[in-house]
C-alpha cells in the first residue's frame, strides 16, 4: 500500500490565469491527501529562493515533493530553473514536470536531456488543460512514490546540517 503523505508542489508559472486554473483543478482533485501549492512567478524568483541566505525571522520555504515548471517564462526561462534544480543539493532528486505551451521536439529533447521527469504540452482549451492537470495529480500523487522530504527540511537548509 502506498503511504500517503501531504504532497506539495512548487508551481513556477507566470500566467495568473493558468495558475488559477491549475490551482482550482488541483484543489478539487480526488487526491488521497490535500496537495499544498507554492507558487513562483518567475525563474528569477526560484533562483533567488535557491540562493537566499538564511534569515532568522523569515519563514523558510519547505521542500516541494514535485516541481511543475513553465518552460517559457519571461526573462530568464525555465531551462535555467531546471539546471539550477538539478544542481541543488536539496532538490536534485525532486521530480520536475515541464508544463509548457511549446511542443517543439527540440525543447522536449533538451528538457529530458537535462533532467526533466516528464513533459506536458499545455493545452489552450480548458477541458484538455483540466484533463492534463488531473493526470498530473493522479500520477504524481497517487501512482508513484515521491521521495519524502525530511520533516524540518527547507530549500535553504545546508545538506551537512540536515545529517545531524
C-alpha atoms as a PDB file:
ATOM      1  CA  UNK A   1       0.000   0.000   0.000  1.00  0.00           C
ATOM      2  CA  UNK A   2       1.274   3.438  -0.932  1.00  0.00           C
ATOM      3  CA  UNK A   3       1.977   5.642   2.074  1.00  0.00           C
ATOM      4  CA  UNK A   4       0.023   8.866   1.663  1.00  0.00           C
ATOM      5  CA  UNK A   5       1.858  11.980   2.693  1.00  0.00           C
ATOM      6  CA  UNK A   6       0.790  15.555   2.217  1.00  0.00           C
ATOM      7  CA  UNK A   7       2.200  16.267  -1.208  1.00  0.00           C
ATOM      8  CA  UNK A   8       3.473  19.720  -2.016  1.00  0.00           C
ATOM      9  CA  UNK A   9       4.003  21.182  -5.449  1.00  0.00           C
ATOM     10  CA  UNK A  10       6.172  24.172  -6.291  1.00  0.00           C
ATOM     11  CA  UNK A  11       4.477  25.662  -9.351  1.00  0.00           C
ATOM     12  CA  UNK A  12       6.612  28.019 -11.433  1.00  0.00           C
ATOM     13  CA  UNK A  13       4.055  29.812 -13.592  1.00  0.00           C
ATOM     14  CA  UNK A  14       3.965  33.433 -14.754  1.00  0.00           C
ATOM     15  CA  UNK A  15       0.387  33.381 -16.039  1.00  0.00           C
ATOM     16  CA  UNK A  16      -2.156  34.238 -13.352  1.00  0.00           C
ATOM     17  CA  UNK A  17      -4.907  32.614 -15.423  1.00  0.00           C
ATOM     18  CA  UNK A  18      -3.011  29.349 -15.905  1.00  0.00           C
ATOM     19  CA  UNK A  19      -2.040  29.238 -12.223  1.00  0.00           C
ATOM     20  CA  UNK A  20      -5.606  29.953 -11.083  1.00  0.00           C
ATOM     21  CA  UNK A  21      -6.951  27.178 -13.327  1.00  0.00           C
ATOM     22  CA  UNK A  22      -4.254  24.752 -12.179  1.00  0.00           C
ATOM     23  CA  UNK A  23      -4.871  25.626  -8.525  1.00  0.00           C
ATOM     24  CA  UNK A  24      -8.625  25.178  -8.876  1.00  0.00           C
ATOM     25  CA  UNK A  25      -8.241  21.783 -10.574  1.00  0.00           C
ATOM     26  CA  UNK A  26      -5.648  20.545  -8.054  1.00  0.00           C
ATOM     27  CA  UNK A  27      -7.731  21.636  -5.070  1.00  0.00           C
ATOM     28  CA  UNK A  28     -10.807  19.890  -6.496  1.00  0.00           C
ATOM     29  CA  UNK A  29      -8.886  16.731  -7.342  1.00  0.00           C
ATOM     30  CA  UNK A  30      -9.678  13.454  -5.694  1.00  0.00           C
ATOM     31  CA  UNK A  31      -6.131  13.089  -4.418  1.00  0.00           C
ATOM     32  CA  UNK A  32      -5.967  10.931  -1.289  1.00  0.00           C
ATOM     33  CA  UNK A  33      -4.286  13.802   0.578  1.00  0.00           C
ATOM     34  CA  UNK A  34      -4.593  17.547   0.052  1.00  0.00           C
ATOM     35  CA  UNK A  35      -1.969  18.929  -2.290  1.00  0.00           C
ATOM     36  CA  UNK A  36      -0.230  22.019  -0.926  1.00  0.00           C
ATOM     37  CA  UNK A  37       0.751  24.522  -3.618  1.00  0.00           C
ATOM     38  CA  UNK A  38       3.541  27.072  -3.527  1.00  0.00           C
ATOM     39  CA  UNK A  39       3.976  29.443  -6.448  1.00  0.00           C
ATOM     40  CA  UNK A  40       6.864  31.313  -8.018  1.00  0.00           C
ATOM     41  CA  UNK A  41       6.020  33.642 -10.898  1.00  0.00           C
ATOM     42  CA  UNK A  42       9.463  33.844 -12.483  1.00  0.00           C
ATOM     43  CA  UNK A  43      12.685  31.950 -12.879  1.00  0.00           C
ATOM     44  CA  UNK A  44      14.427  34.760 -11.032  1.00  0.00           C
ATOM     45  CA  UNK A  45      12.165  34.198  -8.020  1.00  0.00           C
ATOM     46  CA  UNK A  46      13.079  30.492  -7.932  1.00  0.00           C
ATOM     47  CA  UNK A  47      16.786  31.189  -8.396  1.00  0.00           C
ATOM     48  CA  UNK A  48      16.696  33.857  -5.657  1.00  0.00           C
ATOM     49  CA  UNK A  49      14.953  31.390  -3.348  1.00  0.00           C
ATOM     50  CA  UNK A  50      17.623  28.766  -4.010  1.00  0.00           C
ATOM     51  CA  UNK A  51      20.418  31.246  -3.279  1.00  0.00           C
ATOM     52  CA  UNK A  52      18.766  33.152  -0.421  1.00  0.00           C
ATOM     53  CA  UNK A  53      20.699  33.476   2.811  1.00  0.00           C
ATOM     54  CA  UNK A  54      19.215  32.064   5.980  1.00  0.00           C
ATOM     55  CA  UNK A  55      17.439  34.836   7.863  1.00  0.00           C
ATOM     56  CA  UNK A  56      16.385  34.183  11.447  1.00  0.00           C
ATOM     57  CA  UNK A  57      12.945  35.852  11.295  1.00  0.00           C
ATOM     58  CA  UNK A  58      11.993  34.762   7.818  1.00  0.00           C
ATOM     59  CA  UNK A  59       9.949  31.605   7.250  1.00  0.00           C
ATOM     60  CA  UNK A  60      11.773  29.124   5.082  1.00  0.00           C
ATOM     61  CA  UNK A  61      10.126  27.571   2.052  1.00  0.00           C
ATOM     62  CA  UNK A  62       9.709  23.840   2.603  1.00  0.00           C
ATOM     63  CA  UNK A  63      10.988  21.306   0.125  1.00  0.00           C
ATOM     64  CA  UNK A  64       8.398  20.532  -2.529  1.00  0.00           C
ATOM     65  CA  UNK A  65       7.654  16.929  -3.445  1.00  0.00           C
ATOM     66  CA  UNK A  66       7.263  17.963  -7.096  1.00  0.00           C
ATOM     67  CA  UNK A  67       8.139  20.995  -9.208  1.00  0.00           C
ATOM     68  CA  UNK A  68       5.758  21.983 -12.011  1.00  0.00           C
ATOM     69  CA  UNK A  69       7.733  24.261 -14.304  1.00  0.00           C
ATOM     70  CA  UNK A  70       6.578  26.501 -17.133  1.00  0.00           C
ATOM     71  CA  UNK A  71       9.422  26.442 -19.638  1.00  0.00           C
ATOM     72  CA  UNK A  72       8.849  29.747 -21.402  1.00  0.00           C
ATOM     73  CA  UNK A  73       8.979  32.318 -18.637  1.00  0.00           C
ATOM     74  CA  UNK A  74       9.744  35.962 -19.381  1.00  0.00           C
ATOM     75  CA  UNK A  75      13.359  36.966 -18.743  1.00  0.00           C
ATOM     76  CA  UNK A  76      15.347  34.018 -17.501  1.00  0.00           C
ATOM     77  CA  UNK A  77      13.421  30.976 -18.676  1.00  0.00           C
ATOM     78  CA  UNK A  78      12.563  27.633 -17.169  1.00  0.00           C
ATOM     79  CA  UNK A  79      15.655  25.972 -18.612  1.00  0.00           C
ATOM     80  CA  UNK A  80      17.781  27.881 -16.105  1.00  0.00           C
ATOM     81  CA  UNK A  81      15.486  26.748 -13.298  1.00  0.00           C
ATOM     82  CA  UNK A  82      15.750  23.114 -14.416  1.00  0.00           C
ATOM     83  CA  UNK A  83      19.557  23.320 -14.494  1.00  0.00           C
ATOM     84  CA  UNK A  84      19.686  25.014 -11.074  1.00  0.00           C
ATOM     85  CA  UNK A  85      17.312  22.479  -9.518  1.00  0.00           C
ATOM     86  CA  UNK A  86      19.334  19.552 -10.856  1.00  0.00           C
ATOM     87  CA  UNK A  87      22.500  21.037  -9.298  1.00  0.00           C
ATOM     88  CA  UNK A  88      20.874  21.985  -5.973  1.00  0.00           C
ATOM     89  CA  UNK A  89      21.879  19.570  -3.185  1.00  0.00           C
ATOM     90  CA  UNK A  90      18.401  19.541  -1.606  1.00  0.00           C
ATOM     91  CA  UNK A  91      16.313  19.422  -4.782  1.00  0.00           C
ATOM     92  CA  UNK A  92      18.295  17.354  -7.257  1.00  0.00           C
ATOM     93  CA  UNK A  93      16.102  14.274  -6.636  1.00  0.00           C
ATOM     94  CA  UNK A  94      12.835  16.224  -6.725  1.00  0.00           C
ATOM     95  CA  UNK A  95      10.834  15.372  -9.852  1.00  0.00           C
ATOM     96  CA  UNK A  96      10.417  18.248 -12.294  1.00  0.00           C
ATOM     97  CA  UNK A  97       7.413  18.243 -14.609  1.00  0.00           C
ATOM     98  CA  UNK A  98       7.568  20.648 -17.517  1.00  0.00           C
ATOM     99  CA  UNK A  99       4.184  22.214 -18.284  1.00  0.00           C
ATOM    100  CA  UNK A 100       4.710  24.307 -21.395  1.00  0.00           C
ATOM    101  CA  UNK A 101       2.892  25.633 -24.441  1.00  0.00           C
ATOM    102  CA  UNK A 102       5.891  24.591 -26.527  1.00  0.00           C
ATOM    103  CA  UNK A 103       5.554  21.344 -28.456  1.00  0.00           C
ATOM    104  CA  UNK A 104       8.954  21.786 -30.073  1.00  0.00           C
ATOM    105  CA  UNK A 105      10.806  18.458 -30.298  1.00  0.00           C
ATOM    106  CA  UNK A 106      13.992  20.416 -29.548  1.00  0.00           C
ATOM    107  CA  UNK A 107      12.531  21.778 -26.275  1.00  0.00           C
ATOM    108  CA  UNK A 108      11.221  18.349 -25.299  1.00  0.00           C
ATOM    109  CA  UNK A 109      14.564  16.654 -26.007  1.00  0.00           C
ATOM    110  CA  UNK A 110      16.508  19.390 -24.191  1.00  0.00           C
ATOM    111  CA  UNK A 111      14.359  19.069 -21.070  1.00  0.00           C
ATOM    112  CA  UNK A 112      14.734  15.281 -20.878  1.00  0.00           C
ATOM    113  CA  UNK A 113      18.479  15.546 -21.528  1.00  0.00           C
ATOM    114  CA  UNK A 114      18.758  17.941 -18.596  1.00  0.00           C
ATOM    115  CA  UNK A 115      16.775  16.002 -16.049  1.00  0.00           C
ATOM    116  CA  UNK A 116      13.056  16.695 -16.544  1.00  0.00           C
ATOM    117  CA  UNK A 117      10.929  13.786 -15.357  1.00  0.00           C
ATOM    118  CA  UNK A 118       8.036  14.451 -17.707  1.00  0.00           C
ATOM    119  CA  UNK A 119       6.958  16.983 -20.302  1.00  0.00           C
ATOM    120  CA  UNK A 120       3.366  18.060 -20.872  1.00  0.00           C
ATOM    121  CA  UNK A 121       2.238  20.377 -23.635  1.00  0.00           C
ATOM    122  CA  UNK A 122      -0.127  22.908 -22.056  1.00  0.00           C
ATOM    123  CA  UNK A 123      -3.426  22.851 -23.918  1.00  0.00           C
ATOM    124  CA  UNK A 124      -5.307  26.041 -24.681  1.00  0.00           C
ATOM    125  CA  UNK A 125      -8.824  24.644 -24.284  1.00  0.00           C
ATOM    126  CA  UNK A 126      -9.953  24.282 -20.684  1.00  0.00           C
ATOM    127  CA  UNK A 127     -11.171  20.688 -20.982  1.00  0.00           C
ATOM    128  CA  UNK A 128      -7.808  19.436 -22.234  1.00  0.00           C
ATOM    129  CA  UNK A 129      -5.937  21.590 -19.714  1.00  0.00           C
ATOM    130  CA  UNK A 130      -8.100  20.200 -16.910  1.00  0.00           C
ATOM    131  CA  UNK A 131      -7.518  16.615 -18.015  1.00  0.00           C
ATOM    132  CA  UNK A 132      -3.737  17.196 -18.163  1.00  0.00           C
ATOM    133  CA  UNK A 133      -3.681  18.590 -14.615  1.00  0.00           C
ATOM    134  CA  UNK A 134      -5.869  15.739 -13.351  1.00  0.00           C
ATOM    135  CA  UNK A 135      -3.480  13.231 -14.926  1.00  0.00           C
ATOM    136  CA  UNK A 136      -0.563  15.074 -13.348  1.00  0.00           C
ATOM    137  CA  UNK A 137      -2.143  14.804  -9.888  1.00  0.00           C
ATOM    138  CA  UNK A 138      -3.275  11.207 -10.418  1.00  0.00           C
ATOM    139  CA  UNK A 139       0.185  10.127 -11.497  1.00  0.00           C
ATOM    140  CA  UNK A 140       2.434  12.133  -9.172  1.00  0.00           C
ATOM    141  CA  UNK A 141       0.247  11.899  -6.056  1.00  0.00           C
ATOM    142  CA  UNK A 142      -1.421   8.509  -6.387  1.00  0.00           C
ATOM    143  CA  UNK A 143       0.538   6.311  -8.776  1.00  0.00           C
ATOM    144  CA  UNK A 144       4.147   6.943  -7.809  1.00  0.00           C
ATOM    145  CA  UNK A 145       6.057   7.280  -4.595  1.00  0.00           C
ATOM    146  CA  UNK A 146       7.889  10.527  -4.261  1.00  0.00           C
ATOM    147  CA  UNK A 147      10.942  10.996  -2.071  1.00  0.00           C
ATOM    148  CA  UNK A 148       9.830  12.152   1.351  1.00  0.00           C
ATOM    149  CA  UNK A 149      11.463  15.434   2.297  1.00  0.00           C
ATOM    150  CA  UNK A 150      12.874  15.457   5.829  1.00  0.00           C
ATOM    151  CA  UNK A 151      10.276  16.928   8.192  1.00  0.00           C
ATOM    152  CA  UNK A 152      12.220  20.063   9.003  1.00  0.00           C
ATOM    153  CA  UNK A 153      13.949  20.434   5.653  1.00  0.00           C
ATOM    154  CA  UNK A 154      13.699  23.579   3.658  1.00  0.00           C
ATOM    155  CA  UNK A 155      15.225  24.523   0.360  1.00  0.00           C
ATOM    156  CA  UNK A 156      17.701  26.710   2.194  1.00  0.00           C
ATOM    157  CA  UNK A 157      18.973  24.145   4.686  1.00  0.00           C
ATOM    158  CA  UNK A 158      22.541  23.137   4.142  1.00  0.00           C
ATOM    159  CA  UNK A 159      22.872  19.370   3.490  1.00  0.00           C
ATOM    160  CA  UNK A 160      25.554  18.903   6.173  1.00  0.00           C
ATOM    161  CA  UNK A 161      23.236  20.473   8.776  1.00  0.00           C
ATOM    162  CA  UNK A 162      20.447  18.050   7.858  1.00  0.00           C
ATOM    163  CA  UNK A 163      22.558  14.971   8.663  1.00  0.00           C
ATOM    164  CA  UNK A 164      22.803  15.863  12.351  1.00  0.00           C
END
